[in-house]
Amino acid sequence: MDTAAELGPGPDGEHGAEASASPVRRMSLWPPPRSSRHTGRRRRKITITAVVLVLLLSLGAGGYALWASVLDETAAPSGDNDAPVSAFEGSWSGQMRQVDTDGTPVAEWDAQVRIEEDAERGSTAWTTFSCSGTLELSARDGDRLVYAYTETSDPQDRCVDDSELTVWPNEGGGLDSEWASVTDDGTRMVSTGVLE
């Protein structure tokens, strides 16, 4: 059987020749001394990382405050053109004039609207048609509040199940109003009037 010395490559690169001397001259069991030339660079990296972290945390807090104000935009006045919520609160009534898509008069009817404190919700009764329903604030556009109407009572089946009420203050101290709905056959109806 051949030995390892006989199988190792020699100076000619062939097996069986005498092994050449190792290029490693001296080995140490101790690691080489650390260089001190990178110490300043490490300190700068740590300082920059700390500054970036502080900036991100402060932006995070500011970002949260900005996001919270955006979410609260529909509930509270947010600009100079916005009417105060108190201008909408209370009980209102008036006569509506309904027209179809062509502007042809369809009906006149009486409406009673109650808007609760903070103007988030309300209720309404269409006394001419014996219908009633609930109102829930769905949007705010300047001095206009938009409510989604959901019918809760319609004993004679004369009213639409869903519609949209838009109200805004007028100079006389009342509310101008517009009801928009789509009938079962797909006709868009708009009713306008003044609530006092």
N, C-alpha and C. Protein backbone atom coordinates (compact mmCIF):
# COMPACT_ATOMS: atom_id res chain seq x y z
N MET A 1 0.83 -1.17 0.00
CA MET A 1 0.00 0.00 0.00
C MET A 1 0.88 1.24 0.00
N ASP A 2 0.45 2.24 -0.74
CA ASP A 2 1.25 3.46 -0.85
C ASP A 2 1.06 4.33 0.38
N THR A 3 2.04 5.08 0.75
CA THR A 3 1.96 6.01 1.88
C THR A 3 1.66 7.40 1.36
N ALA A 4 1.32 8.30 2.28
CA ALA A 4 0.97 9.66 1.90
C ALA A 4 2.14 10.35 1.23
N ALA A 5 3.37 10.06 1.68
CA ALA A 5 4.53 10.70 1.09
C ALA A 5 4.71 10.27 -0.34
N GLU A 6 4.32 9.08 -0.62
CA GLU A 6 4.47 8.59 -1.98
C GLU A 6 3.41 9.15 -2.90
N LEU A 7 2.21 9.56 -2.35
CA LEU A 7 1.13 10.07 -3.18
C LEU A 7 1.18 11.59 -3.36
N GLY A 8 1.93 12.29 -2.53
CA GLY A 8 1.98 13.75 -2.62
C GLY A 8 2.72 14.20 -3.86
N PRO A 9 2.34 15.30 -4.47
CA PRO A 9 3.02 15.78 -5.65
C PRO A 9 4.40 16.31 -5.32
N GLY A 10 5.30 16.09 -6.18
CA GLY A 10 6.67 16.55 -6.00
C GLY A 10 6.87 17.85 -6.72
N PRO A 11 8.13 18.29 -6.87
CA PRO A 11 8.41 19.56 -7.54
C PRO A 11 8.01 19.50 -9.00
N ASP A 12 7.97 18.32 -9.58
CA ASP A 12 7.59 18.19 -10.98
C ASP A 12 6.09 18.04 -11.13
N GLY A 13 5.36 17.92 -10.05
CA GLY A 13 3.93 17.76 -10.11
C GLY A 13 3.53 16.33 -10.31
N GLU A 14 4.41 15.39 -10.21
CA GLU A 14 4.05 14.00 -10.42
C GLU A 14 3.99 13.29 -9.09
N HIS A 15 3.17 12.20 -9.04
CA HIS A 15 3.06 11.42 -7.81
C HIS A 15 4.33 10.62 -7.62
N GLY A 16 4.62 10.39 -6.40
CA GLY A 16 5.75 9.55 -6.08
C GLY A 16 7.03 10.33 -5.88
N ALA A 17 7.07 11.62 -6.23
CA ALA A 17 8.28 12.41 -6.04
C ALA A 17 8.32 12.93 -4.62
N GLU A 18 9.42 13.42 -4.22
CA GLU A 18 9.61 13.91 -2.86
C GLU A 18 8.81 15.19 -2.65
N ALA A 19 8.08 15.33 -1.52
CA ALA A 19 7.24 16.49 -1.23
C ALA A 19 8.09 17.73 -1.05
N SER A 20 7.60 18.89 -1.56
CA SER A 20 8.35 20.14 -1.43
C SER A 20 8.11 20.75 -0.05
N ALA A 21 8.90 21.66 0.29
CA ALA A 21 8.80 22.32 1.59
C ALA A 21 7.59 23.24 1.61
N SER A 22 6.93 23.40 2.77
CA SER A 22 5.73 24.22 2.93
C SER A 22 6.09 25.69 2.86
N PRO A 23 5.24 26.54 2.22
CA PRO A 23 5.53 27.97 2.18
C PRO A 23 5.29 28.65 3.52
N VAL A 24 4.56 28.03 4.45
CA VAL A 24 4.32 28.60 5.77
C VAL A 24 5.59 28.43 6.59
N ARG A 25 6.15 29.51 7.04
CA ARG A 25 7.40 29.43 7.76
C ARG A 25 7.18 29.40 9.26
N ARG A 26 6.27 30.23 9.74
CA ARG A 26 6.05 30.32 11.17
C ARG A 26 4.58 30.50 11.45
N MET A 27 3.99 29.80 12.39
CA MET A 27 2.60 29.97 12.78
C MET A 27 2.53 30.47 14.20
N SER A 28 1.52 31.33 14.48
CA SER A 28 1.33 31.85 15.83
C SER A 28 -0.05 31.43 16.30
N LEU A 29 -0.18 31.14 17.57
CA LEU A 29 -1.47 30.80 18.15
C LEU A 29 -2.22 32.06 18.60
N TRP A 30 -1.60 33.22 18.55
CA TRP A 30 -2.21 34.47 19.00
C TRP A 30 -2.68 35.29 17.80
N PRO A 31 -3.88 35.96 17.90
CA PRO A 31 -4.35 36.78 16.78
C PRO A 31 -3.44 38.00 16.60
N PRO A 32 -3.38 38.54 15.39
CA PRO A 32 -2.55 39.72 15.17
C PRO A 32 -3.13 40.92 15.92
N PRO A 33 -2.34 41.91 16.25
CA PRO A 33 -2.84 43.09 16.98
C PRO A 33 -3.85 43.86 16.13
N ARG A 34 -4.86 44.44 16.81
CA ARG A 34 -5.91 45.21 16.13
C ARG A 34 -5.36 46.54 15.66
N SER A 35 -5.87 46.94 14.50
CA SER A 35 -5.47 48.23 13.96
C SER A 35 -6.29 49.32 14.63
N SER A 36 -5.70 50.43 14.93
CA SER A 36 -6.42 51.54 15.54
C SER A 36 -6.80 52.60 14.51
N ARG A 37 -6.49 52.38 13.24
CA ARG A 37 -6.78 53.40 12.24
C ARG A 37 -8.26 53.48 11.90
N HIS A 38 -9.11 52.46 12.22
CA HIS A 38 -10.53 52.48 11.92
C HIS A 38 -11.40 52.88 13.11
N THR A 39 -10.81 53.16 14.24
CA THR A 39 -11.56 53.51 15.44
C THR A 39 -12.38 54.78 15.23
N GLY A 40 -11.82 55.81 14.61
CA GLY A 40 -12.56 57.05 14.34
C GLY A 40 -13.73 56.81 13.40
N ARG A 41 -13.57 55.96 12.43
CA ARG A 41 -14.64 55.65 11.49
C ARG A 41 -15.79 54.96 12.20
N ARG A 42 -15.48 54.06 13.11
CA ARG A 42 -16.53 53.37 13.88
C ARG A 42 -17.33 54.37 14.72
N ARG A 43 -16.64 55.29 15.35
CA ARG A 43 -17.32 56.30 16.17
C ARG A 43 -18.26 57.15 15.31
N ARG A 44 -17.80 57.55 14.12
CA ARG A 44 -18.66 58.34 13.23
C ARG A 44 -19.89 57.55 12.81
N LYS A 45 -19.73 56.27 12.50
CA LYS A 45 -20.87 55.44 12.12
C LYS A 45 -21.88 55.33 13.24
N ILE A 46 -21.41 55.16 14.46
CA ILE A 46 -22.31 55.07 15.61
C ILE A 46 -23.05 56.39 15.81
N THR A 47 -22.35 57.51 15.70
CA THR A 47 -22.97 58.83 15.86
C THR A 47 -24.02 59.08 14.78
N ILE A 48 -23.69 58.78 13.54
CA ILE A 48 -24.64 58.99 12.43
C ILE A 48 -25.86 58.10 12.61
N THR A 49 -25.65 56.86 13.01
CA THR A 49 -26.77 55.94 13.23
C THR A 49 -27.69 56.47 14.33
N ALA A 50 -27.12 56.99 15.40
CA ALA A 50 -27.92 57.53 16.51
C ALA A 50 -28.73 58.74 16.05
N VAL A 51 -28.11 59.65 15.28
CA VAL A 51 -28.81 60.84 14.80
C VAL A 51 -29.97 60.44 13.87
N VAL A 52 -29.73 59.49 12.97
CA VAL A 52 -30.78 59.04 12.06
C VAL A 52 -31.93 58.40 12.84
N LEU A 53 -31.62 57.62 13.85
CA LEU A 53 -32.64 56.99 14.66
C LEU A 53 -33.51 58.03 15.38
N VAL A 54 -32.87 59.05 15.94
CA VAL A 54 -33.62 60.12 16.62
C VAL A 54 -34.52 60.86 15.63
N LEU A 55 -34.02 61.15 14.43
CA LEU A 55 -34.83 61.83 13.41
C LEU A 55 -36.03 60.97 13.00
N LEU A 56 -35.80 59.67 12.81
CA LEU A 56 -36.91 58.79 12.43
C LEU A 56 -37.97 58.72 13.52
N LEU A 57 -37.54 58.67 14.77
CA LEU A 57 -38.50 58.63 15.87
C LEU A 57 -39.30 59.93 15.95
N SER A 58 -38.63 61.08 15.76
CA SER A 58 -39.36 62.35 15.82
C SER A 58 -40.30 62.51 14.63
N LEU A 59 -39.88 62.05 13.45
CA LEU A 59 -40.78 62.08 12.30
C LEU A 59 -41.94 61.13 12.50
N GLY A 60 -41.69 60.02 13.16
CA GLY A 60 -42.77 59.07 13.45
C GLY A 60 -43.84 59.70 14.32
N ALA A 61 -43.43 60.44 15.34
CA ALA A 61 -44.40 61.10 16.21
C ALA A 61 -45.15 62.19 15.45
N GLY A 62 -44.43 62.96 14.63
CA GLY A 62 -45.08 63.99 13.81
C GLY A 62 -46.00 63.38 12.78
N GLY A 63 -45.57 62.28 12.18
CA GLY A 63 -46.39 61.58 11.19
C GLY A 63 -47.67 61.06 11.82
N TYR A 64 -47.58 60.55 13.04
CA TYR A 64 -48.76 60.06 13.74
C TYR A 64 -49.74 61.21 13.99
N ALA A 65 -49.23 62.36 14.42
CA ALA A 65 -50.10 63.52 14.67
C ALA A 65 -50.77 63.97 13.39
N LEU A 66 -50.03 63.97 12.27
CA LEU A 66 -50.61 64.36 10.98
C LEU A 66 -51.70 63.38 10.57
N TRP A 67 -51.43 62.08 10.72
CA TRP A 67 -52.41 61.05 10.35
C TRP A 67 -53.67 61.19 11.20
N ALA A 68 -53.51 61.45 12.49
CA ALA A 68 -54.66 61.60 13.38
C ALA A 68 -55.52 62.80 12.97
N SER A 69 -54.88 63.90 12.54
CA SER A 69 -55.65 65.07 12.12
C SER A 69 -56.39 64.80 10.81
N VAL A 70 -55.79 64.01 9.91
CA VAL A 70 -56.47 63.66 8.65
C VAL A 70 -57.69 62.80 8.94
N LEU A 71 -57.57 61.83 9.85
CA LEU A 71 -58.69 60.96 10.19
C LEU A 71 -59.82 61.73 10.84
N ASP A 72 -59.48 62.80 11.57
CA ASP A 72 -60.48 63.57 12.30
C ASP A 72 -61.09 64.68 11.45
N GLU A 73 -60.68 64.78 10.18
CA GLU A 73 -61.09 65.89 9.32
C GLU A 73 -62.59 65.97 9.11
N THR A 74 -63.29 64.84 8.99
CA THR A 74 -64.72 64.89 8.72
C THR A 74 -65.53 65.27 9.95
N ALA A 75 -64.97 65.08 11.14
CA ALA A 75 -65.75 65.33 12.35
C ALA A 75 -65.65 66.76 12.83
N ALA A 76 -64.59 67.46 12.46
CA ALA A 76 -64.39 68.80 12.99
C ALA A 76 -64.08 69.77 11.86
N PRO A 77 -64.40 71.05 12.05
CA PRO A 77 -64.06 72.03 11.04
C PRO A 77 -62.55 72.04 10.79
N SER A 78 -62.16 72.17 9.52
CA SER A 78 -60.73 72.10 9.23
C SER A 78 -60.25 73.28 8.40
N GLY A 79 -61.08 74.24 8.07
CA GLY A 79 -60.64 75.35 7.25
C GLY A 79 -61.46 76.60 7.51
N ASP A 80 -61.06 77.69 6.85
CA ASP A 80 -61.75 78.95 7.05
C ASP A 80 -63.16 78.94 6.47
N ASN A 81 -63.40 78.13 5.42
CA ASN A 81 -64.71 78.09 4.78
C ASN A 81 -65.70 77.20 5.51
N ASP A 82 -65.25 76.45 6.49
CA ASP A 82 -66.13 75.51 7.19
C ASP A 82 -67.03 76.25 8.17
N ALA A 83 -68.29 75.86 8.16
CA ALA A 83 -69.23 76.41 9.13
C ALA A 83 -69.06 75.65 10.44
N PRO A 84 -69.28 76.30 11.58
CA PRO A 84 -69.19 75.57 12.84
C PRO A 84 -70.28 74.52 12.92
N VAL A 85 -69.97 73.44 13.61
CA VAL A 85 -70.92 72.33 13.74
C VAL A 85 -72.23 72.80 14.36
N SER A 86 -72.16 73.77 15.26
CA SER A 86 -73.37 74.25 15.93
C SER A 86 -74.38 74.85 14.95
N ALA A 87 -73.92 75.27 13.76
CA ALA A 87 -74.83 75.84 12.77
C ALA A 87 -75.78 74.79 12.20
N PHE A 88 -75.46 73.51 12.38
CA PHE A 88 -76.29 72.43 11.83
C PHE A 88 -77.14 71.74 12.89
N GLU A 89 -76.73 71.82 14.15
CA GLU A 89 -77.43 71.09 15.21
C GLU A 89 -78.84 71.63 15.44
N GLY A 90 -79.77 70.72 15.75
CA GLY A 90 -81.12 71.14 16.09
C GLY A 90 -82.17 70.51 15.19
N SER A 91 -83.39 71.00 15.33
CA SER A 91 -84.52 70.50 14.55
C SER A 91 -84.86 71.50 13.46
N TRP A 92 -85.11 70.99 12.26
CA TRP A 92 -85.36 71.81 11.09
C TRP A 92 -86.56 71.25 10.33
N SER A 93 -87.28 72.12 9.66
CA SER A 93 -88.38 71.66 8.81
C SER A 93 -88.54 72.61 7.63
N GLY A 94 -89.13 72.08 6.55
CA GLY A 94 -89.33 72.89 5.36
C GLY A 94 -89.98 72.09 4.25
N GLN A 95 -90.29 72.77 3.16
CA GLN A 95 -90.92 72.13 2.03
C GLN A 95 -89.89 71.90 0.92
N MET A 96 -89.88 70.68 0.39
CA MET A 96 -88.96 70.30 -0.66
C MET A 96 -89.69 70.30 -2.00
N ARG A 97 -88.97 70.66 -3.04
CA ARG A 97 -89.51 70.62 -4.41
C ARG A 97 -88.70 69.58 -5.17
N GLN A 98 -89.36 68.54 -5.64
CA GLN A 98 -88.69 67.42 -6.29
C GLN A 98 -88.81 67.54 -7.81
N VAL A 99 -87.67 67.33 -8.50
CA VAL A 99 -87.66 67.33 -9.97
C VAL A 99 -86.96 66.07 -10.47
N ASP A 100 -87.27 65.68 -11.71
CA ASP A 100 -86.60 64.51 -12.27
C ASP A 100 -85.33 64.95 -13.01
N THR A 101 -84.73 64.05 -13.77
CA THR A 101 -83.47 64.33 -14.46
C THR A 101 -83.59 65.49 -15.43
N ASP A 102 -84.75 65.65 -16.07
CA ASP A 102 -84.97 66.74 -17.04
C ASP A 102 -85.33 68.06 -16.37
N GLY A 103 -85.48 68.06 -15.05
CA GLY A 103 -85.89 69.27 -14.33
C GLY A 103 -87.38 69.45 -14.26
N THR A 104 -88.14 68.44 -14.68
CA THR A 104 -89.60 68.50 -14.62
C THR A 104 -90.07 68.29 -13.19
N PRO A 105 -90.93 69.20 -12.67
CA PRO A 105 -91.42 69.03 -11.30
C PRO A 105 -92.20 67.71 -11.14
N VAL A 106 -91.92 67.03 -10.04
CA VAL A 106 -92.57 65.75 -9.76
C VAL A 106 -93.49 65.87 -8.55
N ALA A 107 -92.97 66.47 -7.48
CA ALA A 107 -93.78 66.56 -6.26
C ALA A 107 -93.22 67.63 -5.33
N GLU A 108 -94.07 68.07 -4.44
CA GLU A 108 -93.64 68.92 -3.33
C GLU A 108 -93.99 68.16 -2.06
N TRP A 109 -93.07 68.15 -1.11
CA TRP A 109 -93.31 67.39 0.11
C TRP A 109 -92.65 68.07 1.30
N ASP A 110 -93.17 67.78 2.47
CA ASP A 110 -92.67 68.38 3.71
C ASP A 110 -91.66 67.44 4.37
N ALA A 111 -90.60 68.05 4.90
CA ALA A 111 -89.55 67.27 5.56
C ALA A 111 -89.25 67.87 6.93
N GLN A 112 -89.00 67.01 7.87
CA GLN A 112 -88.52 67.40 9.19
C GLN A 112 -87.19 66.69 9.41
N VAL A 113 -86.20 67.46 9.82
CA VAL A 113 -84.85 66.93 10.01
C VAL A 113 -84.37 67.30 11.40
N ARG A 114 -83.80 66.32 12.09
CA ARG A 114 -83.17 66.60 13.39
C ARG A 114 -81.72 66.17 13.30
N ILE A 115 -80.80 67.12 13.55
CA ILE A 115 -79.36 66.84 13.54
C ILE A 115 -78.87 66.90 14.97
N GLU A 116 -78.25 65.81 15.40
CA GLU A 116 -77.81 65.68 16.79
C GLU A 116 -76.56 66.51 17.07
N GLU A 117 -76.22 66.58 18.35
CA GLU A 117 -75.02 67.29 18.79
C GLU A 117 -73.80 66.69 18.10
N ASP A 118 -72.86 67.52 17.71
CA ASP A 118 -71.64 67.19 16.96
C ASP A 118 -71.94 66.91 15.49
N ALA A 119 -73.19 66.94 15.08
CA ALA A 119 -73.62 66.82 13.68
C ALA A 119 -73.18 65.52 13.02
N GLU A 120 -72.93 64.49 13.79
CA GLU A 120 -72.52 63.20 13.22
C GLU A 120 -73.72 62.36 12.75
N ARG A 121 -74.85 62.51 13.43
CA ARG A 121 -76.03 61.69 13.13
C ARG A 121 -77.29 62.54 13.23
N GLY A 122 -78.36 61.94 12.77
CA GLY A 122 -79.64 62.63 12.86
C GLY A 122 -80.75 61.71 12.41
N SER A 123 -81.92 62.31 12.26
CA SER A 123 -83.08 61.54 11.80
C SER A 123 -83.95 62.48 10.97
N THR A 124 -84.86 61.88 10.22
CA THR A 124 -85.73 62.69 9.38
C THR A 124 -87.07 62.01 9.20
N ALA A 125 -88.07 62.83 8.93
CA ALA A 125 -89.41 62.32 8.62
C ALA A 125 -89.91 63.09 7.41
N TRP A 126 -90.37 62.36 6.41
CA TRP A 126 -90.99 62.96 5.24
C TRP A 126 -92.49 62.89 5.47
N THR A 127 -93.03 63.91 6.11
CA THR A 127 -94.40 63.85 6.60
C THR A 127 -95.44 63.68 5.49
N THR A 128 -95.21 64.24 4.32
CA THR A 128 -96.18 64.10 3.21
C THR A 128 -96.33 62.65 2.78
N PHE A 129 -95.22 61.89 2.84
CA PHE A 129 -95.24 60.49 2.39
C PHE A 129 -95.27 59.49 3.54
N SER A 130 -95.31 59.96 4.77
CA SER A 130 -95.30 59.09 5.96
C SER A 130 -94.06 58.18 6.01
N CYS A 131 -92.91 58.71 5.63
CA CYS A 131 -91.65 57.94 5.66
C CYS A 131 -90.72 58.55 6.70
N SER A 132 -89.82 57.73 7.20
CA SER A 132 -88.82 58.24 8.13
C SER A 132 -87.55 57.41 8.01
N GLY A 133 -86.47 57.98 8.53
CA GLY A 133 -85.20 57.27 8.44
C GLY A 133 -84.13 57.94 9.28
N THR A 134 -82.94 57.38 9.19
CA THR A 134 -81.80 57.88 9.96
C THR A 134 -80.81 58.58 9.04
N LEU A 135 -80.05 59.49 9.61
CA LEU A 135 -79.00 60.21 8.88
C LEU A 135 -77.66 59.91 9.54
N GLU A 136 -76.65 59.71 8.71
CA GLU A 136 -75.29 59.53 9.23
C GLU A 136 -74.34 60.33 8.36
N LEU A 137 -73.50 61.15 9.01
CA LEU A 137 -72.56 62.01 8.29
C LEU A 137 -71.61 61.15 7.45
N SER A 138 -71.55 61.43 6.15
CA SER A 138 -70.66 60.65 5.28
C SER A 138 -69.54 61.49 4.69
N ALA A 139 -69.70 62.82 4.64
CA ALA A 139 -68.64 63.67 4.08
C ALA A 139 -68.85 65.11 4.52
N ARG A 140 -67.75 65.85 4.44
CA ARG A 140 -67.81 67.29 4.71
C ARG A 140 -67.03 67.98 3.61
N ASP A 141 -67.66 68.95 2.95
CA ASP A 141 -67.03 69.66 1.86
C ASP A 141 -67.20 71.15 2.11
N GLY A 142 -66.19 71.77 2.68
CA GLY A 142 -66.29 73.19 3.03
C GLY A 142 -67.37 73.40 4.07
N ASP A 143 -68.37 74.24 3.73
CA ASP A 143 -69.45 74.50 4.68
C ASP A 143 -70.63 73.56 4.47
N ARG A 144 -70.46 72.50 3.69
CA ARG A 144 -71.54 71.55 3.41
C ARG A 144 -71.31 70.23 4.14
N LEU A 145 -72.40 69.73 4.73
CA LEU A 145 -72.37 68.40 5.34
C LEU A 145 -73.22 67.47 4.48
N VAL A 146 -72.72 66.28 4.25
CA VAL A 146 -73.42 65.29 3.43
C VAL A 146 -73.78 64.12 4.33
N TYR A 147 -75.07 63.77 4.34
CA TYR A 147 -75.57 62.67 5.17
C TYR A 147 -76.11 61.55 4.29
N ALA A 148 -75.84 60.33 4.70
CA ALA A 148 -76.46 59.16 4.07
C ALA A 148 -77.76 58.88 4.81
N TYR A 149 -78.85 58.80 4.04
CA TYR A 149 -80.17 58.53 4.60
C TYR A 149 -80.49 57.05 4.41
N THR A 150 -80.94 56.43 5.50
CA THR A 150 -81.38 55.03 5.44
C THR A 150 -82.81 54.98 5.97
N GLU A 151 -83.69 54.47 5.14
CA GLU A 151 -85.10 54.41 5.50
C GLU A 151 -85.35 53.40 6.63
N THR A 152 -86.18 53.82 7.59
CA THR A 152 -86.55 52.90 8.68
C THR A 152 -88.06 52.61 8.68
N SER A 153 -88.85 53.49 8.03
CA SER A 153 -90.30 53.27 7.99
C SER A 153 -90.86 53.82 6.68
N ASP A 154 -91.64 52.97 5.99
CA ASP A 154 -92.30 53.37 4.75
C ASP A 154 -93.56 52.50 4.59
N PRO A 155 -94.60 52.78 5.38
CA PRO A 155 -95.78 51.89 5.39
C PRO A 155 -96.52 51.83 4.05
N GLN A 156 -96.45 52.88 3.25
CA GLN A 156 -97.18 52.89 1.98
C GLN A 156 -96.26 52.59 0.78
N ASP A 157 -95.02 52.29 1.04
CA ASP A 157 -94.02 51.98 0.00
C ASP A 157 -93.96 53.08 -1.06
N ARG A 158 -93.81 54.33 -0.59
CA ARG A 158 -93.78 55.48 -1.49
C ARG A 158 -92.41 56.15 -1.56
N CYS A 159 -91.47 55.76 -0.69
CA CYS A 159 -90.19 56.46 -0.58
C CYS A 159 -89.04 55.57 -1.04
N VAL A 160 -87.90 56.20 -1.26
CA VAL A 160 -86.70 55.45 -1.63
C VAL A 160 -86.03 54.94 -0.37
N ASP A 161 -85.35 53.80 -0.48
CA ASP A 161 -84.70 53.20 0.69
C ASP A 161 -83.45 53.96 1.11
N ASP A 162 -82.70 54.46 0.13
CA ASP A 162 -81.45 55.16 0.42
C ASP A 162 -81.40 56.45 -0.40
N SER A 163 -80.89 57.50 0.22
CA SER A 163 -80.69 58.76 -0.50
C SER A 163 -79.58 59.52 0.22
N GLU A 164 -79.32 60.72 -0.29
CA GLU A 164 -78.24 61.53 0.27
C GLU A 164 -78.77 62.93 0.52
N LEU A 165 -78.54 63.43 1.71
CA LEU A 165 -78.97 64.77 2.08
C LEU A 165 -77.72 65.65 2.23
N THR A 166 -77.70 66.77 1.51
CA THR A 166 -76.62 67.75 1.65
C THR A 166 -77.23 69.02 2.22
N VAL A 167 -76.63 69.55 3.28
CA VAL A 167 -77.13 70.78 3.91
C VAL A 167 -75.98 71.76 4.08
N TRP A 168 -76.31 73.06 3.99
CA TRP A 168 -75.33 74.11 4.22
C TRP A 168 -76.07 75.35 4.73
N PRO A 169 -75.42 76.14 5.59
CA PRO A 169 -76.08 77.31 6.19
C PRO A 169 -76.37 78.38 5.12
N ASN A 170 -77.51 79.05 5.27
CA ASN A 170 -77.81 80.18 4.39
C ASN A 170 -77.76 81.47 5.21
N GLU A 171 -77.88 82.60 4.53
CA GLU A 171 -77.76 83.89 5.22
C GLU A 171 -78.92 84.18 6.16
N GLY A 172 -80.04 83.52 5.96
CA GLY A 172 -81.21 83.77 6.81
C GLY A 172 -81.21 82.98 8.11
N GLY A 173 -80.16 82.22 8.38
CA GLY A 173 -80.09 81.46 9.62
C GLY A 173 -80.63 80.04 9.50
N GLY A 174 -81.09 79.67 8.32
CA GLY A 174 -81.58 78.31 8.11
C GLY A 174 -80.56 77.47 7.36
N LEU A 175 -81.02 76.36 6.84
CA LEU A 175 -80.17 75.46 6.07
C LEU A 175 -80.75 75.27 4.68
N ASP A 176 -79.96 75.50 3.67
CA ASP A 176 -80.34 75.09 2.32
C ASP A 176 -80.10 73.59 2.26
N SER A 177 -80.98 72.89 1.54
CA SER A 177 -80.85 71.43 1.52
C SER A 177 -81.10 70.87 0.13
N GLU A 178 -80.49 69.72 -0.10
CA GLU A 178 -80.70 69.00 -1.35
C GLU A 178 -80.72 67.51 -1.06
N TRP A 179 -81.81 66.87 -1.44
CA TRP A 179 -81.93 65.41 -1.34
C TRP A 179 -81.67 64.86 -2.73
N ALA A 180 -80.83 63.85 -2.84
CA ALA A 180 -80.58 63.19 -4.13
C ALA A 180 -80.80 61.70 -3.94
N SER A 181 -81.54 61.10 -4.90
CA SER A 181 -81.82 59.67 -4.81
C SER A 181 -82.03 59.10 -6.20
N VAL A 182 -82.01 57.79 -6.27
CA VAL A 182 -82.29 57.09 -7.51
C VAL A 182 -83.48 56.16 -7.24
N THR A 183 -84.51 56.26 -8.07
CA THR A 183 -85.70 55.44 -7.88
C THR A 183 -85.43 53.99 -8.29
N ASP A 184 -86.39 53.12 -8.00
CA ASP A 184 -86.24 51.70 -8.35
C ASP A 184 -86.07 51.48 -9.84
N ASP A 185 -86.66 52.38 -10.66
CA ASP A 185 -86.52 52.20 -12.11
C ASP A 185 -85.28 52.91 -12.67
N GLY A 186 -84.43 53.48 -11.77
CA GLY A 186 -83.16 54.07 -12.19
C GLY A 186 -83.21 55.55 -12.50
N THR A 187 -84.31 56.23 -12.21
CA THR A 187 -84.42 57.67 -12.45
C THR A 187 -83.82 58.43 -11.28
N ARG A 188 -82.95 59.40 -11.59
CA ARG A 188 -82.35 60.22 -10.53
C ARG A 188 -83.30 61.36 -10.20
N MET A 189 -83.60 61.49 -8.92
CA MET A 189 -84.50 62.54 -8.45
C MET A 189 -83.73 63.45 -7.51
N VAL A 190 -83.99 64.75 -7.62
CA VAL A 190 -83.36 65.74 -6.76
C VAL A 190 -84.45 66.61 -6.17
N SER A 191 -84.40 66.80 -4.86
CA SER A 191 -85.35 67.68 -4.17
C SER A 191 -84.55 68.76 -3.47
N THR A 192 -84.96 70.00 -3.61
CA THR A 192 -84.28 71.11 -2.96
C THR A 192 -85.29 71.91 -2.13
N GLY A 193 -84.77 72.59 -1.11
CA GLY A 193 -85.64 73.40 -0.27
C GLY A 193 -84.84 74.04 0.84
N VAL A 194 -85.54 74.84 1.62
CA VAL A 194 -84.93 75.52 2.76
C VAL A 194 -85.50 74.94 4.03
N LEU A 195 -84.62 74.58 4.95
CA LEU A 195 -85.03 74.09 6.27
C LEU A 195 -84.81 75.21 7.27
N GLU A 196 -85.86 75.47 8.06
CA GLU A 196 -85.75 76.55 9.06
C GLU A 196 -86.06 76.04 10.44
